[in-house]
Amino acid sequence: MDEPASRPAPEIDPNPNEALWRGLLEGTDPVYARTRARMKHIPGSPRCKMCAAPFGTPGSFLMRLQGRHRWEKNPDYCNLCFDVLSRFHGGAEIASTFLFADVRGSTTIAEGMRPADFRRLLDRFYDVATRVIIRNDGIVDKFVGDEAMGIFIPATAHEHHAAKAVAAARELLEATSERIVELPVGVGVATGIAFVGSVGEPPVTSLTALGDIVNVAARLASAAAAGEILMTEPTVTTAHLAADGLDRRELALKGKTDVTVVYAMTVR
């Protein structure tokens, strides 16, 4: 008797929650639309920029009863708008803009001061970067050493994500040139398709972005001089900046096969 033919194992969808994430990240999820329509009638400002949940009184009392409060990564948004991080692992490839800010010459700066003083200096940089990214509707992704990263997605910055990221870059350089921080900072901004979603397993799951365009933004920050913003061509186009008023360059970025066309903006 012939043995039964083996059946191929069913394919497992590696990203079963992609549609949910796309709706969340692009701001098209109908649940969020209904929630926002309901929340905006509850008094209390400021509000979550996604669902309009009130953080101020008197509405904040009702929100706390529902377990809704400011999200620690970006207090302009509520925790329930992003609790899908742990419950619905995954993400989506979407058009977004990414900002990296790098303290130039941090090794030399650290060499000339006590470690505790250097830490306090970086804390001020992190604080300024957080406030600037949030004020421009971005999400603070992470701080790594002397570098800060912000994500600007359609759900929070809408179609203006490139312009918002550039505005944040300008504000950050203006702030770090003042006496409150006094740090030499270079910024890279890149616009393109990246995977945005949750990475890591609970309880260390976090929202982040992955992909070539994210790496490009990081490389641009490393290449930018103090007080300089390096932007990719799609960023300039999407942000509706006048390219003829910027310094056009072709850079051989580390790890990239071809040269990358960038535009430089200097902030005094």
Protein backbone atom coordinates (compact mmCIF):
# COMPACT_ATOMS: atom_id res chain seq x y z
CA MET A 1 0.00 0.00 0.00
CA ASP A 2 1.35 3.38 -1.02
CA GLU A 3 2.08 5.81 1.75
CA PRO A 4 -0.06 8.94 1.67
CA ALA A 5 1.62 11.89 0.08
CA SER A 6 2.95 14.30 2.65
CA ARG A 7 1.18 17.62 2.74
CA PRO A 8 3.19 20.82 2.80
CA ALA A 9 3.12 22.60 6.11
CA PRO A 10 0.80 25.62 6.06
CA GLU A 11 2.60 28.90 5.68
CA ILE A 12 2.65 31.04 8.79
CA ASP A 13 2.03 34.72 8.29
CA PRO A 14 5.08 36.47 9.79
CA ASN A 15 3.12 39.70 10.27
CA PRO A 16 -0.55 38.83 10.92
CA ASN A 17 -1.33 42.25 12.41
CA GLU A 18 -0.04 44.31 9.50
CA ALA A 19 -3.46 45.76 8.58
CA LEU A 20 -4.06 46.86 12.17
CA TRP A 21 -0.64 48.49 12.34
CA ARG A 22 -1.04 50.21 9.00
CA GLY A 23 -4.31 51.74 10.14
CA LEU A 24 -2.69 52.85 13.39
CA LEU A 25 0.46 54.29 11.85
CA GLU A 26 -1.29 56.00 8.95
CA GLY A 27 -4.19 57.24 11.09
CA THR A 28 -6.89 55.44 9.08
CA ASP A 29 -8.08 52.88 11.65
CA PRO A 30 -11.88 53.33 12.05
CA VAL A 31 -11.74 52.51 15.76
CA TYR A 32 -9.44 55.45 16.32
CA ALA A 33 -11.67 57.65 14.18
CA ARG A 34 -14.71 56.79 16.33
CA THR A 35 -12.72 57.15 19.55
CA ARG A 36 -11.46 60.55 18.53
CA ALA A 37 -14.97 61.73 17.62
CA ARG A 38 -16.14 60.72 21.10
CA MET A 39 -13.13 61.98 23.07
CA LYS A 40 -13.08 65.48 21.61
CA HIS A 41 -16.38 66.25 23.36
CA ILE A 42 -14.93 65.47 26.81
CA PRO A 43 -13.50 68.72 28.28
CA GLY A 44 -9.86 68.93 29.32
CA SER A 45 -6.74 70.18 27.56
CA PRO A 46 -4.09 69.29 26.51
CA ARG A 47 -5.16 66.15 24.65
CA CYS A 48 -3.74 63.01 23.09
CA LYS A 49 -2.93 64.00 19.52
CA MET A 50 -4.17 60.68 18.17
CA CYS A 51 -7.39 59.89 20.01
CA ALA A 52 -8.04 63.35 21.57
CA ALA A 53 -8.27 61.88 25.09
CA PRO A 54 -8.09 64.77 27.58
CA PHE A 55 -5.04 64.92 29.83
CA GLY A 56 -6.28 68.03 31.63
CA THR A 57 -9.12 68.42 34.12
CA PRO A 58 -11.93 67.62 34.37
CA GLY A 59 -11.72 64.96 31.64
CA SER A 60 -8.48 63.47 32.94
CA PHE A 61 -10.31 62.04 35.97
CA LEU A 62 -12.54 59.98 33.66
CA MET A 63 -9.55 58.93 31.59
CA ARG A 64 -7.72 57.62 34.64
CA LEU A 65 -10.75 55.50 35.51
CA GLN A 66 -10.46 53.98 32.03
CA GLY A 67 -6.75 53.33 32.48
CA ARG A 68 -5.82 55.96 29.94
CA HIS A 69 -2.89 58.28 30.69
CA ARG A 70 0.04 59.99 29.00
CA TRP A 71 2.42 57.68 27.16
CA GLU A 72 5.86 57.89 28.74
CA LYS A 73 7.69 57.94 25.37
CA ASN A 74 5.69 60.91 24.15
CA PRO A 75 3.37 62.66 26.64
CA ASP A 76 1.42 64.19 23.76
CA TYR A 77 -0.12 60.73 23.23
CA CYS A 78 -1.92 58.30 25.52
CA ASN A 79 -0.77 54.83 26.52
CA LEU A 80 -3.79 53.04 25.04
CA CYS A 81 -3.01 54.36 21.57
CA PHE A 82 0.21 52.39 21.70
CA ASP A 83 -0.57 49.41 23.93
CA VAL A 84 -0.74 47.37 20.74
CA LEU A 85 3.02 47.14 21.10
CA SER A 86 2.75 44.16 23.41
CA ARG A 87 -0.69 42.79 22.47
CA PHE A 88 -0.35 42.88 18.68
CA HIS A 89 3.25 42.23 17.79
CA GLY A 90 4.12 43.42 14.30
CA GLY A 91 4.16 46.55 12.21
CA ALA A 92 3.88 47.89 8.68
CA GLU A 93 6.05 49.39 5.98
CA ILE A 94 5.01 53.02 5.65
CA ALA A 95 6.38 56.31 4.36
CA SER A 96 7.81 58.25 7.29
CA THR A 97 10.61 60.64 8.17
CA PHE A 98 13.43 59.92 10.60
CA LEU A 99 15.63 62.29 12.55
CA PHE A 100 18.95 61.51 14.20
CA ALA A 101 20.80 64.12 16.27
CA ASP A 102 24.42 63.43 17.14
CA VAL A 103 26.67 65.30 19.57
CA ARG A 104 29.84 66.04 17.65
CA GLY A 105 33.15 65.42 19.38
CA SER A 106 31.54 63.92 22.47
CA THR A 107 34.65 61.88 23.25
CA THR A 108 36.75 65.03 23.50
CA ILE A 109 34.04 66.79 25.51
CA ALA A 110 33.85 63.88 27.97
CA GLU A 111 37.63 63.82 28.31
CA GLY A 112 37.63 67.34 29.69
CA MET A 113 35.09 66.86 32.49
CA ARG A 114 34.04 64.55 35.29
CA PRO A 115 31.80 61.63 34.20
CA ALA A 116 28.95 62.88 36.38
CA ASP A 117 29.13 66.33 34.79
CA PHE A 118 29.15 64.81 31.30
CA ARG A 119 26.08 62.75 32.19
CA ARG A 120 24.26 65.88 33.36
CA LEU A 121 25.20 67.61 30.11
CA LEU A 122 23.79 64.74 28.05
CA ASP A 123 20.65 64.71 30.22
CA ARG A 124 20.04 68.33 29.23
CA PHE A 125 20.54 67.37 25.59
CA TYR A 126 18.05 64.49 25.94
CA ASP A 127 15.54 66.79 27.61
CA VAL A 128 15.79 69.41 24.86
CA ALA A 129 15.59 66.76 22.12
CA THR A 130 12.52 65.19 23.73
CA ARG A 131 10.66 68.49 23.99
CA VAL A 132 11.53 69.52 20.42
CA ILE A 133 10.55 66.19 18.84
CA ILE A 134 7.27 66.05 20.77
CA ARG A 135 6.43 69.69 20.00
CA ASN A 136 6.72 68.88 16.30
CA ASP A 137 4.45 65.81 16.48
CA GLY A 138 7.23 63.24 16.43
CA ILE A 139 7.78 60.17 18.57
CA VAL A 140 10.93 59.88 20.65
CA ASP A 141 12.32 56.50 19.65
CA LYS A 142 15.43 56.24 21.76
CA PHE A 143 18.63 57.76 23.11
CA VAL A 144 21.84 55.88 22.41
CA GLY A 145 24.97 57.33 23.95
CA ASP A 146 25.26 60.84 22.54
CA GLU A 147 22.53 60.38 19.92
CA ALA A 148 18.77 60.97 19.85
CA MET A 149 16.29 59.48 17.36
CA GLY A 150 12.82 60.71 16.44
CA ILE A 151 10.16 59.11 14.22
CA PHE A 152 7.62 61.20 12.32
CA ILE A 153 4.71 59.09 11.07
CA PRO A 154 1.48 60.04 9.22
CA ALA A 155 -0.74 59.21 12.23
CA THR A 156 0.91 61.92 14.32
CA ALA A 157 2.41 64.37 11.83
CA HIS A 158 0.02 63.59 8.94
CA GLU A 159 1.27 64.45 5.45
CA HIS A 160 3.64 67.00 6.97
CA HIS A 161 5.98 64.41 8.54
CA ALA A 162 9.01 65.57 6.52
CA ALA A 163 8.39 69.26 7.20
CA LYS A 164 7.81 68.53 10.90
CA ALA A 165 11.09 66.62 11.14
CA VAL A 166 13.02 69.45 9.49
CA ALA A 167 11.36 71.97 11.81
CA ALA A 168 12.37 69.81 14.79
CA ALA A 169 15.94 69.64 13.50
CA ARG A 170 16.12 73.41 13.21
CA GLU A 171 14.70 73.95 16.70
CA LEU A 172 17.08 71.41 18.18
CA LEU A 173 20.13 73.08 16.68
CA GLU A 174 18.91 76.49 17.81
CA ALA A 175 18.37 75.16 21.33
CA THR A 176 21.75 73.43 21.56
CA SER A 177 23.54 76.60 20.50
CA GLU A 178 22.15 78.43 23.53
CA ARG A 179 23.78 78.57 26.94
CA ILE A 180 21.23 76.12 28.39
CA VAL A 181 23.01 73.25 26.61
CA GLU A 182 25.96 74.53 24.57
CA LEU A 183 26.69 71.35 22.67
CA PRO A 184 27.89 70.91 19.09
CA VAL A 185 25.15 68.88 17.40
CA GLY A 186 24.72 67.64 13.84
CA VAL A 187 21.39 66.31 12.53
CA GLY A 188 20.42 63.89 9.77
CA VAL A 189 16.88 63.73 8.36
CA ALA A 190 15.71 61.12 5.83
CA THR A 191 12.30 60.32 4.33
CA GLY A 192 11.28 56.98 2.86
CA ILE A 193 9.69 53.59 3.41
CA ALA A 194 10.58 51.82 6.64
CA PHE A 195 9.15 49.12 8.84
CA VAL A 196 7.60 50.80 11.86
CA GLY A 197 6.19 48.70 14.66
CA SER A 198 6.96 46.70 17.76
CA VAL A 199 10.22 44.84 18.22
CA GLY A 200 11.38 42.64 21.04
CA GLU A 201 9.37 40.38 23.30
CA PRO A 202 7.42 41.60 26.36
CA PRO A 203 8.28 43.13 28.74
CA VAL A 204 10.96 44.84 26.64
CA THR A 205 8.81 45.43 23.56
CA SER A 206 9.18 48.89 22.08
CA LEU A 207 8.07 50.93 19.11
CA THR A 208 10.86 51.54 16.62
CA ALA A 209 11.68 51.80 12.93
CA LEU A 210 13.88 49.54 10.82
CA GLY A 211 15.15 49.71 7.28
CA ASP A 212 17.70 51.25 4.95
CA ILE A 213 16.25 54.76 5.20
CA VAL A 214 16.64 54.68 8.99
CA ASN A 215 20.30 53.73 8.56
CA VAL A 216 20.73 56.57 6.07
CA ALA A 217 19.37 59.09 8.59
CA ALA A 218 21.84 57.80 11.20
CA ARG A 219 24.74 58.05 8.73
CA LEU A 220 23.77 61.60 7.83
CA ALA A 221 23.82 62.62 11.49
CA SER A 222 27.33 61.20 11.79
CA ALA A 223 28.42 63.12 8.70
CA ALA A 224 26.79 66.44 9.65
CA ALA A 225 28.97 69.18 11.06
CA ALA A 226 28.01 70.99 14.25
CA GLY A 227 25.04 73.27 13.54
CA GLU A 228 24.27 71.49 10.27
CA ILE A 229 21.26 69.50 9.02
CA LEU A 230 21.87 66.97 6.24
CA MET A 231 18.68 65.93 4.42
CA THR A 232 17.96 63.42 1.69
CA GLU A 233 16.44 64.56 -1.59
CA PRO A 234 13.01 63.00 -0.80
CA THR A 235 12.97 64.93 2.49
CA VAL A 236 13.58 68.23 0.72
CA THR A 237 10.90 67.44 -1.87
CA THR A 238 8.29 66.18 0.61
CA ALA A 239 8.90 69.09 2.98
CA HIS A 240 8.48 71.54 0.05
CA LEU A 241 11.86 73.14 0.65
CA ALA A 242 13.58 75.23 -2.03
CA ALA A 243 16.47 73.01 -3.09
CA ASP A 244 18.22 75.85 -4.90
CA GLY A 245 18.69 77.62 -1.58
CA LEU A 246 20.48 74.66 -0.03
CA ASP A 247 23.98 73.25 -0.39
CA ARG A 248 23.76 70.11 -2.58
CA ARG A 249 26.34 67.39 -1.93
CA GLU A 250 27.08 63.82 -2.94
CA LEU A 251 28.27 61.76 0.01
CA ALA A 252 29.77 58.28 0.15
CA LEU A 253 28.02 57.08 3.29
CA LYS A 254 29.48 54.14 5.17
CA GLY A 255 27.92 50.87 4.03
CA LYS A 256 26.18 52.38 0.97
CA THR A 257 27.13 51.14 -2.51
CA ASP A 258 26.22 54.35 -4.34
CA VAL A 259 26.73 57.97 -3.40
CA THR A 260 23.84 59.65 -1.61
CA VAL A 261 22.57 63.03 -2.75
CA VAL A 262 22.00 65.24 0.28
CA TYR A 263 21.13 68.87 0.95
CA ALA A 264 22.72 70.80 3.79
CA MET A 265 21.12 73.49 5.91
CA THR A 266 23.17 75.45 8.42
CA VAL A 267 21.51 76.77 11.56
CA ARG A 268 23.43 79.54 13.30
